[in-house]
Amino acid sequence: NTGSWDITQPLTSPSYILLTMALAMKLGLAPLHFWLPEVIQGSTMTAAFIITTWQKIAPMSLIFLTMNNLSTSIFLLMGLLSSLVGGWGGLNQTQTRKIMAYSSIAHLGWMATISSIMTNILIMNLLIYLIMTTSVFLSLIISKSKTIQDTTSTWTLSPTLTIIMMLSLLSLGGLPPLTGFIPKWLIMEE
């Protein structure tokens, strides 16, 4: 309409829809998540680490900047769907990269849910997610574990690494006494 477009103030409804869909696809939010588990499974552990951490920062920054203009109900729906898909998808997996891909989908669902309500909880959740995911991936890279079966033999390599990996995975799952439970608790409170 005007010959220019500002991402923080789109003028038309198709702009909002395109921006929402593009950000959801880049993040791997359901229902646009189908590429994420397969891409992460087919890549190296280091590339999977980058996809699940570093590649989430830019789209989450854009969501943070444009949240006032985006549809709250769409983000709530995508967040709920992503949390369900991520939780159910990771249940029967034995490949560590696929488990981490579904974990990413589930965590981003929680973040999408809170993005329209409290952006400070969104930022805290993103930082905790990045730290926990980094811990898990570095443990998996050091131990060269590609499957859950491989993680059972890491005790002989390093008991400390095994304990750190176990606690990081449990925290990433959001169990109550661990760090990963705090963002979920705050989101449920809001």
Protein backbone atom coordinates (compact mmCIF):
# COMPACT_ATOMS: atom_id res chain seq x y z
CA ASN A 1 0.00 0.00 0.00
CA THR A 2 2.72 2.47 0.92
CA GLY A 3 5.73 1.06 -0.93
CA SER A 4 7.54 0.28 2.32
CA TRP A 5 7.15 -2.21 5.13
CA ASP A 6 8.21 -1.93 8.75
CA ILE A 7 8.32 -5.22 10.64
CA THR A 8 7.18 -3.62 13.89
CA GLN A 9 4.17 -1.91 12.27
CA PRO A 10 2.78 -4.02 9.39
CA LEU A 11 -0.24 -2.38 7.84
CA THR A 12 -2.26 -5.25 6.42
CA SER A 13 -3.64 -8.55 7.71
CA PRO A 14 -1.68 -10.66 5.17
CA SER A 15 1.50 -9.15 6.62
CA TYR A 16 0.60 -10.43 10.08
CA ILE A 17 -0.27 -13.86 8.73
CA LEU A 18 2.92 -14.17 6.68
CA LEU A 19 5.07 -13.02 9.58
CA THR A 20 3.41 -15.46 11.99
CA MET A 21 3.76 -18.38 9.58
CA ALA A 22 7.38 -17.56 8.75
CA LEU A 23 8.38 -17.29 12.40
CA ALA A 24 6.49 -20.48 13.29
CA MET A 25 8.19 -22.38 10.47
CA LYS A 26 11.65 -21.09 11.38
CA LEU A 27 11.16 -22.04 15.03
CA GLY A 28 9.58 -25.40 14.28
CA LEU A 29 6.25 -24.68 15.99
CA ALA A 30 3.44 -27.11 15.27
CA PRO A 31 1.76 -27.47 12.79
CA LEU A 32 4.83 -26.32 10.81
CA HIS A 33 7.24 -28.55 12.75
CA PHE A 34 7.56 -31.53 10.39
CA TRP A 35 10.97 -30.52 9.05
CA LEU A 36 12.69 -30.18 12.43
CA PRO A 37 13.03 -33.80 13.69
CA GLU A 38 14.16 -35.10 10.31
CA VAL A 39 16.68 -32.31 9.71
CA ILE A 40 18.15 -32.66 13.19
CA GLN A 41 18.32 -36.45 12.91
CA GLY A 42 20.12 -36.19 9.56
CA SER A 43 22.69 -33.65 10.72
CA THR A 44 25.78 -33.95 12.87
CA MET A 45 25.50 -33.47 16.62
CA THR A 46 27.16 -30.04 16.36
CA ALA A 47 24.78 -28.90 13.61
CA ALA A 48 21.83 -30.19 15.63
CA PHE A 49 23.12 -28.21 18.60
CA ILE A 50 23.27 -25.02 16.51
CA ILE A 51 19.79 -25.59 15.03
CA THR A 52 18.20 -26.10 18.45
CA THR A 53 19.95 -23.19 20.18
CA TRP A 54 21.54 -20.43 18.11
CA GLN A 55 18.97 -20.60 15.31
CA LYS A 56 16.12 -19.91 17.77
CA ILE A 57 17.44 -16.53 18.96
CA ALA A 58 16.59 -14.40 15.87
CA PRO A 59 12.97 -15.61 15.44
CA MET A 60 12.32 -15.28 19.17
CA SER A 61 13.71 -11.73 19.03
CA LEU A 62 11.31 -10.92 16.19
CA ILE A 63 8.41 -12.39 18.15
CA PHE A 64 9.45 -10.27 21.13
CA LEU A 65 9.53 -7.13 18.94
CA THR A 66 6.27 -7.73 17.10
CA MET A 67 4.14 -9.52 19.70
CA ASN A 68 1.79 -6.54 20.09
CA ASN A 69 0.83 -6.85 16.42
CA LEU A 70 0.58 -10.65 16.17
CA SER A 71 -2.50 -12.73 16.94
CA THR A 72 -2.59 -13.88 20.55
CA SER A 73 -5.06 -16.67 19.87
CA ILE A 74 -2.94 -18.11 17.04
CA PHE A 75 0.17 -18.14 19.23
CA LEU A 76 -1.76 -19.76 22.09
CA LEU A 77 -3.09 -22.42 19.72
CA MET A 78 0.33 -23.08 18.17
CA GLY A 79 1.89 -23.15 21.64
CA LEU A 80 -0.59 -25.70 22.93
CA LEU A 81 -0.28 -27.83 19.81
CA SER A 82 3.53 -27.67 19.92
CA SER A 83 3.63 -28.70 23.57
CA LEU A 84 1.42 -31.69 22.83
CA VAL A 85 3.27 -32.72 19.65
CA GLY A 86 6.68 -32.31 21.31
CA GLY A 87 5.69 -34.32 24.35
CA TRP A 88 4.02 -37.14 22.46
CA GLY A 89 6.57 -37.21 19.65
CA GLY A 90 9.51 -37.70 21.97
CA LEU A 91 7.97 -40.52 24.00
CA ASN A 92 9.03 -43.53 21.92
CA GLN A 93 12.29 -42.21 20.48
CA THR A 94 15.67 -43.87 20.99
CA GLN A 95 17.76 -41.43 18.92
CA THR A 96 19.11 -38.60 21.08
CA ARG A 97 18.89 -36.01 18.29
CA LYS A 98 15.22 -36.78 17.65
CA ILE A 99 14.50 -36.58 21.37
CA MET A 100 16.17 -33.17 21.43
CA ALA A 101 14.18 -32.08 18.35
CA TYR A 102 10.88 -32.97 20.00
CA SER A 103 12.09 -31.32 23.19
CA SER A 104 12.74 -28.17 21.18
CA ILE A 105 9.23 -28.29 19.71
CA ALA A 106 7.71 -28.72 23.18
CA HIS A 107 9.77 -25.95 24.79
CA LEU A 108 9.02 -23.52 21.98
CA GLY A 109 5.34 -24.32 22.48
CA TRP A 110 5.61 -23.15 26.08
CA MET A 111 7.44 -20.02 24.89
CA ALA A 112 4.84 -19.29 22.21
CA THR A 113 2.11 -19.63 24.81
CA ILE A 114 3.62 -17.06 27.16
CA SER A 115 4.89 -14.70 24.43
CA SER A 116 1.65 -12.75 24.22
CA ILE A 117 1.10 -12.60 27.98
CA MET A 118 4.45 -11.89 29.70
CA THR A 119 7.51 -11.23 27.56
CA ASN A 120 9.87 -11.19 30.55
CA ILE A 121 8.95 -14.83 31.31
CA LEU A 122 9.50 -15.57 27.60
CA ILE A 123 13.06 -14.23 27.82
CA MET A 124 13.77 -16.12 31.05
CA ASN A 125 12.35 -19.32 29.55
CA LEU A 126 14.46 -18.90 26.40
CA LEU A 127 17.66 -18.35 28.40
CA ILE A 128 17.03 -21.38 30.64
CA TYR A 129 16.18 -23.48 27.57
CA LEU A 130 19.39 -22.39 25.81
CA ILE A 131 21.54 -23.17 28.86
CA MET A 132 19.96 -26.58 29.46
CA THR A 133 20.07 -27.58 25.80
CA THR A 134 23.70 -26.49 25.56
CA SER A 135 24.52 -28.64 28.59
CA VAL A 136 22.78 -31.69 27.13
CA PHE A 137 24.30 -31.32 23.67
CA LEU A 138 27.83 -30.75 25.00
CA SER A 139 27.46 -33.88 27.15
CA LEU A 140 26.22 -35.86 24.14
CA ILE A 141 29.03 -34.53 21.93
CA ILE A 142 31.72 -35.34 24.51
CA SER A 143 30.36 -38.85 25.15
CA LYS A 144 29.65 -39.45 21.43
CA SER A 145 26.17 -40.76 22.32
CA LYS A 146 23.84 -41.04 19.36
CA THR A 147 21.22 -43.27 20.99
CA ILE A 148 19.86 -43.79 24.48
CA GLN A 149 21.67 -47.15 24.49
CA ASP A 150 24.98 -45.29 23.97
CA THR A 151 24.36 -43.15 27.05
CA THR A 152 24.31 -46.26 29.25
CA SER A 153 28.00 -46.87 28.54
CA THR A 154 29.16 -43.34 29.44
CA TRP A 155 29.46 -44.24 33.13
CA THR A 156 32.80 -45.99 32.44
CA LEU A 157 34.03 -42.98 30.44
CA SER A 158 33.18 -40.41 33.10
CA PRO A 159 30.77 -40.79 36.01
CA THR A 160 30.64 -37.00 36.44
CA LEU A 161 29.65 -36.49 32.80
CA THR A 162 26.95 -39.15 33.15
CA ILE A 163 25.49 -37.47 36.24
CA ILE A 164 25.57 -34.04 34.56
CA MET A 165 23.89 -35.47 31.44
CA MET A 166 21.22 -37.21 33.53
CA LEU A 167 20.45 -34.11 35.59
CA SER A 168 20.40 -31.92 32.47
CA LEU A 169 17.97 -34.26 30.70
CA LEU A 170 15.71 -34.41 33.75
CA SER A 171 15.83 -30.62 34.06
CA LEU A 172 15.06 -30.25 30.36
CA GLY A 173 12.05 -32.49 30.95
CA GLY A 174 10.80 -30.04 33.58
CA LEU A 175 10.82 -32.19 36.71
CA PRO A 176 9.82 -30.14 39.81
CA PRO A 177 12.96 -29.78 41.92
CA LEU A 178 15.14 -28.92 38.90
CA THR A 179 15.69 -25.68 36.98
CA GLY A 180 13.57 -26.62 33.97
CA PHE A 181 10.43 -26.68 36.10
CA ILE A 182 10.65 -22.97 37.03
CA PRO A 183 9.63 -21.55 33.60
CA LYS A 184 6.76 -24.03 33.25
CA TRP A 185 5.54 -23.20 36.73
CA LEU A 186 5.62 -19.46 36.04
CA ILE A 187 3.83 -19.94 32.71
CA MET A 188 1.10 -22.00 34.37
CA GLU A 189 0.77 -19.32 37.06
CA GLU A 190 0.20 -16.62 34.42
